[in-house]
C-alpha atoms as a PDB file:
ATOM      1  CA  UNK A   1     -19.247 135.255 -10.282  1.00  0.00           C
ATOM      2  CA  UNK A   2     -18.723 132.145 -12.377  1.00  0.00           C
ATOM      3  CA  UNK A   3     -21.715 131.631 -14.668  1.00  0.00           C
ATOM      4  CA  UNK A   4     -20.839 128.030 -15.507  1.00  0.00           C
ATOM      5  CA  UNK A   5     -21.455 126.995 -11.885  1.00  0.00           C
ATOM      6  CA  UNK A   6     -24.676 128.964 -11.570  1.00  0.00           C
ATOM      7  CA  UNK A   7     -27.705 126.743 -10.977  1.00  0.00           C
ATOM      8  CA  UNK A   8     -30.506 127.043 -13.484  1.00  0.00           C
ATOM      9  CA  UNK A   9     -34.070 127.408 -12.264  1.00  0.00           C
ATOM     10  CA  UNK A  10     -36.453 125.944 -14.871  1.00  0.00           C
ATOM     11  CA  UNK A  11     -39.605 127.423 -13.321  1.00  0.00           C
ATOM     12  CA  UNK A  12     -38.213 130.954 -13.564  1.00  0.00           C
ATOM     13  CA  UNK A  13     -37.133 130.319 -17.150  1.00  0.00           C
ATOM     14  CA  UNK A  14     -40.619 129.068 -18.055  1.00  0.00           C
ATOM     15  CA  UNK A  15     -42.148 132.133 -16.391  1.00  0.00           C
ATOM     16  CA  UNK A  16     -39.865 134.511 -18.294  1.00  0.00           C
ATOM     17  CA  UNK A  17     -40.553 132.815 -21.641  1.00  0.00           C
ATOM     18  CA  UNK A  18     -44.315 132.818 -21.029  1.00  0.00           C
ATOM     19  CA  UNK A  19     -44.447 136.439 -19.897  1.00  0.00           C
ATOM     20  CA  UNK A  20     -42.162 137.519 -22.734  1.00  0.00           C
ATOM     21  CA  UNK A  21     -44.372 135.864 -25.331  1.00  0.00           C
ATOM     22  CA  UNK A  22     -47.466 137.310 -23.663  1.00  0.00           C
ATOM     23  CA  UNK A  23     -45.900 140.782 -23.834  1.00  0.00           C
ATOM     24  CA  UNK A  24     -45.121 140.258 -27.534  1.00  0.00           C
ATOM     25  CA  UNK A  25     -48.766 139.277 -28.088  1.00  0.00           C
ATOM     26  CA  UNK A  26     -50.046 142.363 -26.260  1.00  0.00           C
ATOM     27  CA  UNK A  27     -47.775 144.706 -28.206  1.00  0.00           C
ATOM     28  CA  UNK A  28     -48.054 143.167 -31.679  1.00  0.00           C
ATOM     29  CA  UNK A  29     -51.291 141.118 -31.552  1.00  0.00           C
ATOM     30  CA  UNK A  30     -49.508 138.073 -33.035  1.00  0.00           C
ATOM     31  CA  UNK A  31     -51.561 135.000 -32.215  1.00  0.00           C
ATOM     32  CA  UNK A  32     -48.585 132.609 -32.332  1.00  0.00           C
ATOM     33  CA  UNK A  33     -46.970 134.462 -29.422  1.00  0.00           C
ATOM     34  CA  UNK A  34     -50.080 133.916 -27.281  1.00  0.00           C
ATOM     35  CA  UNK A  35     -50.177 130.225 -28.174  1.00  0.00           C
ATOM     36  CA  UNK A  36     -46.462 129.832 -27.454  1.00  0.00           C
ATOM     37  CA  UNK A  37     -46.938 131.523 -24.096  1.00  0.00           C
ATOM     38  CA  UNK A  38     -49.732 129.168 -23.085  1.00  0.00           C
ATOM     39  CA  UNK A  39     -48.051 126.022 -24.415  1.00  0.00           C
ATOM     40  CA  UNK A  40     -44.698 126.714 -22.751  1.00  0.00           C
ATOM     41  CA  UNK A  41     -46.403 127.724 -19.499  1.00  0.00           C
ATOM     42  CA  UNK A  42     -48.633 124.648 -19.454  1.00  0.00           C
ATOM     43  CA  UNK A  43     -45.792 122.255 -20.287  1.00  0.00           C
ATOM     44  CA  UNK A  44     -43.647 123.796 -17.570  1.00  0.00           C
ATOM     45  CA  UNK A  45     -46.374 123.490 -14.964  1.00  0.00           C
ATOM     46  CA  UNK A  46     -47.448 119.957 -15.904  1.00  0.00           C
ATOM     47  CA  UNK A  47     -44.056 118.273 -16.046  1.00  0.00           C
ATOM     48  CA  UNK A  48     -40.840 119.075 -14.237  1.00  0.00           C
ATOM     49  CA  UNK A  49     -38.958 116.987 -16.797  1.00  0.00           C
ATOM     50  CA  UNK A  50     -40.313 119.078 -19.690  1.00  0.00           C
ATOM     51  CA  UNK A  51     -39.567 122.267 -17.754  1.00  0.00           C
ATOM     52  CA  UNK A  52     -35.931 121.179 -17.444  1.00  0.00           C
ATOM     53  CA  UNK A  53     -35.777 120.355 -21.163  1.00  0.00           C
ATOM     54  CA  UNK A  54     -37.289 123.726 -22.122  1.00  0.00           C
ATOM     55  CA  UNK A  55     -34.832 125.428 -19.772  1.00  0.00           C
ATOM     56  CA  UNK A  56     -31.934 123.486 -21.337  1.00  0.00           C
ATOM     57  CA  UNK A  57     -32.996 124.455 -24.873  1.00  0.00           C
ATOM     58  CA  UNK A  58     -33.486 128.095 -23.846  1.00  0.00           C
ATOM     59  CA  UNK A  59     -30.032 128.261 -22.265  1.00  0.00           C
ATOM     60  CA  UNK A  60     -28.444 126.657 -25.341  1.00  0.00           C
ATOM     61  CA  UNK A  61     -30.192 129.233 -27.542  1.00  0.00           C
ATOM     62  CA  UNK A  62     -28.889 132.006 -25.270  1.00  0.00           C
ATOM     63  CA  UNK A  63     -25.375 130.547 -25.463  1.00  0.00           C
ATOM     64  CA  UNK A  64     -25.548 130.378 -29.272  1.00  0.00           C
ATOM     65  CA  UNK A  65     -26.787 133.964 -29.501  1.00  0.00           C
ATOM     66  CA  UNK A  66     -24.002 135.090 -27.173  1.00  0.00           C
ATOM     67  CA  UNK A  67     -21.502 133.868 -29.753  1.00  0.00           C
ATOM     68  CA  UNK A  68     -23.185 135.588 -32.703  1.00  0.00           C
ATOM     69  CA  UNK A  69     -24.763 138.860 -31.553  1.00  0.00           C
ATOM     70  CA  UNK A  70     -21.730 140.619 -29.988  1.00  0.00           C
ATOM     71  CA  UNK A  71     -19.685 140.067 -33.145  1.00  0.00           C
ATOM     72  CA  UNK A  72     -22.441 141.486 -35.320  1.00  0.00           C
ATOM     73  CA  UNK A  73     -22.970 144.482 -33.026  1.00  0.00           C
ATOM     74  CA  UNK A  74     -19.266 145.268 -32.827  1.00  0.00           C
ATOM     75  CA  UNK A  75     -18.943 145.023 -36.608  1.00  0.00           C
ATOM     76  CA  UNK A  76     -21.908 147.324 -37.174  1.00  0.00           C
ATOM     77  CA  UNK A  77     -20.617 149.866 -34.656  1.00  0.00           C
ATOM     78  CA  UNK A  78     -17.136 149.752 -36.184  1.00  0.00           C
ATOM     79  CA  UNK A  79     -18.183 150.149 -39.814  1.00  0.00           C
ATOM     80  CA  UNK A  80     -21.123 152.529 -39.363  1.00  0.00           C
ATOM     81  CA  UNK A  81     -19.724 154.815 -36.655  1.00  0.00           C
ATOM     82  CA  UNK A  82     -15.991 154.532 -36.083  1.00  0.00           C
ATOM     83  CA  UNK A  83     -14.852 154.237 -39.707  1.00  0.00           C
ATOM     84  CA  UNK A  84     -16.668 157.407 -40.906  1.00  0.00           C
ATOM     85  CA  UNK A  85     -15.387 159.314 -37.874  1.00  0.00           C
ATOM     86  CA  UNK A  86     -11.835 158.202 -38.695  1.00  0.00           C
ATOM     87  CA  UNK A  87     -12.212 159.277 -42.332  1.00  0.00           C
ATOM     88  CA  UNK A  88     -13.583 162.681 -41.299  1.00  0.00           C
ATOM     89  CA  UNK A  89     -10.787 163.108 -38.784  1.00  0.00           C
ATOM     90  CA  UNK A  90      -8.175 162.380 -41.429  1.00  0.00           C
ATOM     91  CA  UNK A  91      -9.823 164.664 -43.965  1.00  0.00           C
ATOM     92  CA  UNK A  92     -10.470 167.693 -41.758  1.00  0.00           C
ATOM     93  CA  UNK A  93      -8.412 167.183 -38.610  1.00  0.00           C
ATOM     94  CA  UNK A  94      -4.845 167.823 -37.560  1.00  0.00           C
ATOM     95  CA  UNK A  95      -2.429 166.118 -39.930  1.00  0.00           C
ATOM     96  CA  UNK A  96      -0.068 164.968 -37.155  1.00  0.00           C
ATOM     97  CA  UNK A  97      -2.196 164.633 -33.992  1.00  0.00           C
ATOM     98  CA  UNK A  98       0.192 162.311 -32.122  1.00  0.00           C
ATOM     99  CA  UNK A  99       3.361 164.150 -33.215  1.00  0.00           C
ATOM    100  CA  UNK A 100       4.728 160.964 -34.752  1.00  0.00           C
ATOM    101  CA  UNK A 101       6.297 162.734 -37.740  1.00  0.00           C
ATOM    102  CA  UNK A 102       9.466 164.653 -36.964  1.00  0.00           C
ATOM    103  CA  UNK A 103       8.622 167.949 -38.678  1.00  0.00           C
ATOM    104  CA  UNK A 104      10.545 170.271 -36.329  1.00  0.00           C
ATOM    105  CA  UNK A 105      14.103 170.500 -35.040  1.00  0.00           C
ATOM    106  CA  UNK A 106      12.961 169.533 -31.533  1.00  0.00           C
ATOM    107  CA  UNK A 107       9.937 167.715 -30.156  1.00  0.00           C
ATOM    108  CA  UNK A 108      10.131 169.662 -26.889  1.00  0.00           C
ATOM    109  CA  UNK A 109       7.061 171.801 -26.192  1.00  0.00           C
ATOM    110  CA  UNK A 110       7.561 174.851 -24.057  1.00  0.00           C
ATOM    111  CA  UNK A 111       5.244 175.426 -21.153  1.00  0.00           C
ATOM    112  CA  UNK A 112       5.132 178.937 -19.708  1.00  0.00           C
ATOM    113  CA  UNK A 113       3.016 178.189 -16.663  1.00  0.00           C
ATOM    114  CA  UNK A 114       3.556 179.696 -13.238  1.00  0.00           C
ATOM    115  CA  UNK A 115       3.355 177.126 -10.454  1.00  0.00           C
ATOM    116  CA  UNK A 116       2.173 178.114  -7.001  1.00  0.00           C
ATOM    117  CA  UNK A 117       1.635 176.227  -3.760  1.00  0.00           C
ATOM    118  CA  UNK A 118      -1.938 175.181  -4.684  1.00  0.00           C
ATOM    119  CA  UNK A 119      -0.674 173.442  -7.840  1.00  0.00           C
ATOM    120  CA  UNK A 120       1.170 170.860  -5.742  1.00  0.00           C
ATOM    121  CA  UNK A 121      -1.577 170.150  -3.195  1.00  0.00           C
ATOM    122  CA  UNK A 122      -3.793 168.115  -5.535  1.00  0.00           C
ATOM    123  CA  UNK A 123      -1.630 166.951  -8.441  1.00  0.00           C
ATOM    124  CA  UNK A 124      -4.405 164.821  -9.870  1.00  0.00           C
END
């Protein structure tokens, strides 16, 4: 589904903003969230033009956040989780896990497994 061709519905956007701010007010008791909820809801109901402008600004804010937030999240995940795991793996793990260093005469690994008819019925 192509999001650039998706039609925006300003009334639904106004409803989501108003209910979101109302939820923030209920949870945190911040008065500004209640006022924002009422102001955005009233402006959206009174004027279709203002509803479209609020919707446009909200979508531009969402677009801007979509450029910033994933990069921050991926950086945090990389440096806080993956880097320490890699250091621990190098410190305590197998020294040649991918067998990239030629430490033996041959890289062939022997497999002493007996194959029967059932082994070939479902190879995956």
